[in-house]
N, C-alpha and C. Protein backbone atom coordinates (compact mmCIF):
# COMPACT_ATOMS: atom_id res chain seq x y z
N UNK A 1 0.85 -1.17 0.00
CA UNK A 1 0.00 0.00 0.00
C UNK A 1 0.90 1.23 0.00
N UNK A 2 0.60 2.17 -0.90
CA UNK A 2 1.36 3.40 -1.02
C UNK A 2 0.47 4.56 -0.63
N UNK A 3 0.87 5.34 0.37
CA UNK A 3 0.09 6.49 0.78
C UNK A 3 0.68 7.75 0.19
N UNK A 4 -0.17 8.62 -0.27
CA UNK A 4 0.25 9.88 -0.86
C UNK A 4 -0.43 11.01 -0.10
N UNK A 5 0.31 12.04 0.22
CA UNK A 5 -0.24 13.21 0.89
C UNK A 5 -0.71 14.19 -0.17
N UNK A 6 -1.97 14.57 -0.11
CA UNK A 6 -2.55 15.49 -1.09
C UNK A 6 -3.13 16.68 -0.36
N UNK A 7 -2.85 17.88 -0.87
CA UNK A 7 -3.41 19.09 -0.28
C UNK A 7 -4.38 19.70 -1.29
N UNK A 8 -5.62 19.89 -0.86
CA UNK A 8 -6.65 20.44 -1.73
C UNK A 8 -7.46 21.45 -0.94
N UNK A 9 -7.50 22.68 -1.40
CA UNK A 9 -8.25 23.73 -0.73
C UNK A 9 -7.88 23.85 0.74
N UNK A 10 -6.59 23.67 1.05
CA UNK A 10 -6.12 23.82 2.41
C UNK A 10 -6.34 22.61 3.30
N UNK A 11 -6.89 21.52 2.78
CA UNK A 11 -7.14 20.32 3.56
C UNK A 11 -6.12 19.26 3.14
N UNK A 12 -5.44 18.67 4.10
CA UNK A 12 -4.46 17.64 3.80
C UNK A 12 -5.09 16.27 3.97
N UNK A 13 -4.95 15.42 2.97
CA UNK A 13 -5.53 14.08 3.00
C UNK A 13 -4.44 13.05 2.78
N UNK A 14 -4.55 11.91 3.41
CA UNK A 14 -3.69 10.77 3.13
C UNK A 14 -4.49 9.81 2.28
N UNK A 15 -4.06 9.56 1.05
CA UNK A 15 -4.83 8.73 0.14
C UNK A 15 -4.09 7.43 -0.17
N UNK A 16 -4.81 6.34 -0.19
CA UNK A 16 -4.26 5.03 -0.55
C UNK A 16 -4.24 4.95 -2.06
N UNK A 17 -3.06 5.05 -2.66
CA UNK A 17 -2.91 5.09 -4.11
C UNK A 17 -3.45 3.85 -4.79
N UNK A 18 -3.43 2.71 -4.11
CA UNK A 18 -3.91 1.48 -4.73
C UNK A 18 -5.42 1.47 -4.92
N UNK A 19 -6.14 2.39 -4.28
CA UNK A 19 -7.60 2.40 -4.37
C UNK A 19 -8.16 3.56 -5.19
N UNK A 20 -7.32 4.46 -5.64
CA UNK A 20 -7.80 5.60 -6.42
C UNK A 20 -6.93 5.81 -7.65
N UNK A 21 -7.49 6.53 -8.60
CA UNK A 21 -6.71 6.94 -9.77
C UNK A 21 -6.33 8.39 -9.53
N UNK A 22 -5.05 8.65 -9.45
CA UNK A 22 -4.57 9.99 -9.13
C UNK A 22 -3.61 10.46 -10.20
N UNK A 23 -3.86 11.60 -10.77
CA UNK A 23 -2.94 12.18 -11.73
C UNK A 23 -1.84 12.90 -10.94
N UNK A 24 -0.62 12.46 -11.16
CA UNK A 24 0.49 13.01 -10.39
C UNK A 24 1.75 13.03 -11.25
N UNK A 25 2.46 14.10 -11.14
CA UNK A 25 3.76 14.19 -11.82
C UNK A 25 4.72 14.82 -10.83
N UNK A 26 5.77 14.11 -10.48
CA UNK A 26 6.66 14.53 -9.41
C UNK A 26 7.49 15.75 -9.75
N UNK A 27 7.73 16.03 -11.01
CA UNK A 27 8.68 17.08 -11.36
C UNK A 27 8.07 18.46 -11.56
N UNK A 28 6.75 18.59 -11.55
CA UNK A 28 6.16 19.91 -11.73
C UNK A 28 4.82 19.99 -11.03
N UNK A 29 4.28 21.19 -10.98
CA UNK A 29 2.97 21.40 -10.39
C UNK A 29 1.91 21.13 -11.45
N UNK A 30 1.55 19.88 -11.59
CA UNK A 30 0.67 19.41 -12.64
C UNK A 30 -0.73 19.26 -12.08
N UNK A 31 -1.67 19.97 -12.65
CA UNK A 31 -3.05 19.91 -12.19
C UNK A 31 -3.95 19.62 -13.39
N UNK A 32 -4.73 18.55 -13.27
CA UNK A 32 -5.68 18.21 -14.32
C UNK A 32 -6.91 19.08 -14.16
N UNK A 33 -7.40 19.67 -15.26
CA UNK A 33 -8.63 20.47 -15.14
C UNK A 33 -9.81 19.59 -14.73
N UNK A 34 -10.76 20.17 -14.06
CA UNK A 34 -11.95 19.43 -13.63
C UNK A 34 -12.84 19.15 -14.84
N UNK A 35 -13.59 18.07 -14.77
CA UNK A 35 -14.43 17.63 -15.89
C UNK A 35 -15.41 18.71 -16.35
N UNK A 36 -15.87 19.57 -15.43
CA UNK A 36 -16.84 20.60 -15.81
C UNK A 36 -16.21 21.79 -16.54
N UNK A 37 -14.87 21.85 -16.57
CA UNK A 37 -14.21 22.95 -17.28
C UNK A 37 -14.51 22.83 -18.78
N UNK A 38 -14.91 23.93 -19.41
CA UNK A 38 -15.24 23.87 -20.84
C UNK A 38 -14.00 23.75 -21.72
N UNK A 39 -14.19 23.19 -22.88
CA UNK A 39 -13.11 23.05 -23.86
C UNK A 39 -12.71 24.42 -24.40
N UNK A 40 -11.44 24.57 -24.73
CA UNK A 40 -10.95 25.78 -25.37
C UNK A 40 -11.01 25.67 -26.88
N UNK A 41 -10.89 24.44 -27.38
CA UNK A 41 -10.91 24.20 -28.83
C UNK A 41 -11.61 22.88 -29.12
N UNK A 42 -12.22 22.79 -30.29
CA UNK A 42 -12.80 21.53 -30.76
C UNK A 42 -12.05 21.10 -32.01
N UNK A 43 -11.58 19.86 -32.02
CA UNK A 43 -10.83 19.34 -33.16
C UNK A 43 -11.77 18.73 -34.18
N UNK A 44 -11.25 18.43 -35.34
CA UNK A 44 -12.05 17.87 -36.43
C UNK A 44 -12.19 16.35 -36.35
N UNK A 45 -11.50 15.71 -35.41
CA UNK A 45 -11.53 14.25 -35.32
C UNK A 45 -12.33 13.75 -34.12
N UNK A 46 -13.25 14.56 -33.63
CA UNK A 46 -14.13 14.13 -32.55
C UNK A 46 -13.62 14.35 -31.14
N UNK A 47 -12.59 15.17 -30.98
CA UNK A 47 -12.05 15.47 -29.66
C UNK A 47 -12.10 16.96 -29.40
N UNK A 48 -12.16 17.31 -28.10
CA UNK A 48 -12.05 18.71 -27.71
C UNK A 48 -10.84 18.86 -26.80
N UNK A 49 -10.33 20.08 -26.76
CA UNK A 49 -9.05 20.34 -26.11
C UNK A 49 -9.17 21.42 -25.05
N UNK A 50 -8.42 21.24 -23.97
CA UNK A 50 -8.27 22.23 -22.91
C UNK A 50 -6.79 22.54 -22.83
N UNK A 51 -6.43 23.82 -22.85
CA UNK A 51 -5.02 24.24 -22.79
C UNK A 51 -4.81 24.98 -21.47
N UNK A 52 -4.00 24.40 -20.59
CA UNK A 52 -3.72 24.99 -19.28
C UNK A 52 -2.85 26.24 -19.44
N UNK A 53 -2.81 27.05 -18.39
CA UNK A 53 -2.02 28.28 -18.40
C UNK A 53 -0.54 28.01 -18.70
N UNK A 54 -0.04 26.84 -18.28
CA UNK A 54 1.37 26.53 -18.52
C UNK A 54 1.61 25.91 -19.89
N UNK A 55 0.55 25.80 -20.71
CA UNK A 55 0.68 25.27 -22.06
C UNK A 55 0.42 23.77 -22.17
N UNK A 56 0.14 23.10 -21.06
CA UNK A 56 -0.15 21.66 -21.09
C UNK A 56 -1.50 21.45 -21.77
N UNK A 57 -1.55 20.47 -22.68
CA UNK A 57 -2.77 20.18 -23.43
C UNK A 57 -3.48 18.96 -22.84
N UNK A 58 -4.80 19.03 -22.76
CA UNK A 58 -5.65 17.94 -22.31
C UNK A 58 -6.73 17.73 -23.35
N UNK A 59 -7.20 16.49 -23.47
CA UNK A 59 -8.23 16.19 -24.46
C UNK A 59 -9.28 15.25 -23.88
N UNK A 60 -10.43 15.18 -24.55
CA UNK A 60 -11.49 14.23 -24.26
C UNK A 60 -12.40 14.16 -25.47
N UNK A 61 -13.26 13.16 -25.52
CA UNK A 61 -14.21 13.02 -26.62
C UNK A 61 -15.14 14.24 -26.61
N UNK A 62 -15.35 14.82 -27.78
CA UNK A 62 -16.14 16.05 -27.90
C UNK A 62 -17.55 15.87 -27.31
N UNK A 63 -17.95 16.82 -26.47
CA UNK A 63 -19.29 16.83 -25.89
C UNK A 63 -19.52 15.81 -24.79
N UNK A 64 -18.48 15.12 -24.35
CA UNK A 64 -18.66 14.00 -23.41
C UNK A 64 -18.75 14.40 -21.95
N UNK A 65 -18.13 15.49 -21.55
CA UNK A 65 -18.02 15.91 -20.15
C UNK A 65 -17.24 14.89 -19.32
N UNK A 66 -16.45 14.02 -19.99
CA UNK A 66 -15.58 13.06 -19.30
C UNK A 66 -14.42 13.82 -18.66
N UNK A 67 -13.64 13.10 -17.84
CA UNK A 67 -12.44 13.70 -17.27
C UNK A 67 -11.46 14.05 -18.39
N UNK A 68 -10.70 15.12 -18.19
CA UNK A 68 -9.68 15.51 -19.15
C UNK A 68 -8.50 14.57 -19.04
N UNK A 69 -7.87 14.24 -20.16
CA UNK A 69 -6.70 13.37 -20.22
C UNK A 69 -5.53 14.19 -20.74
N UNK A 70 -4.41 14.12 -20.02
CA UNK A 70 -3.22 14.88 -20.43
C UNK A 70 -2.70 14.32 -21.75
N UNK A 71 -2.45 15.21 -22.69
CA UNK A 71 -1.89 14.82 -23.99
C UNK A 71 -0.38 14.72 -23.86
N UNK A 72 0.15 13.56 -24.20
CA UNK A 72 1.60 13.36 -24.18
C UNK A 72 2.05 12.99 -25.58
N UNK A 73 2.61 13.96 -26.33
CA UNK A 73 3.01 13.72 -27.73
C UNK A 73 4.11 12.68 -27.85
C-alpha cells in the first residue's frame, strides 16, 4: 500500500494510491482540469481540447463531459 499526501483547498488528505486513480507528476505542479471545465478548442476528429495556463494540453471526446486526459506527444 502506497500512501500519498494530497493538499486540496487547504485540507491535507492521506490517500491510498492502490484504491484511487490519481494524476500526479513529481517534477512539476501538474493539475488536471476538472471535468466541468469547458473546452478551449474543438478538433475535427471528434475530440475537444483544454489548454492549461502553462501550455499543457488535455483532451477528451467532444461533448462527453468526461475527465480531461493529459496529452503526451
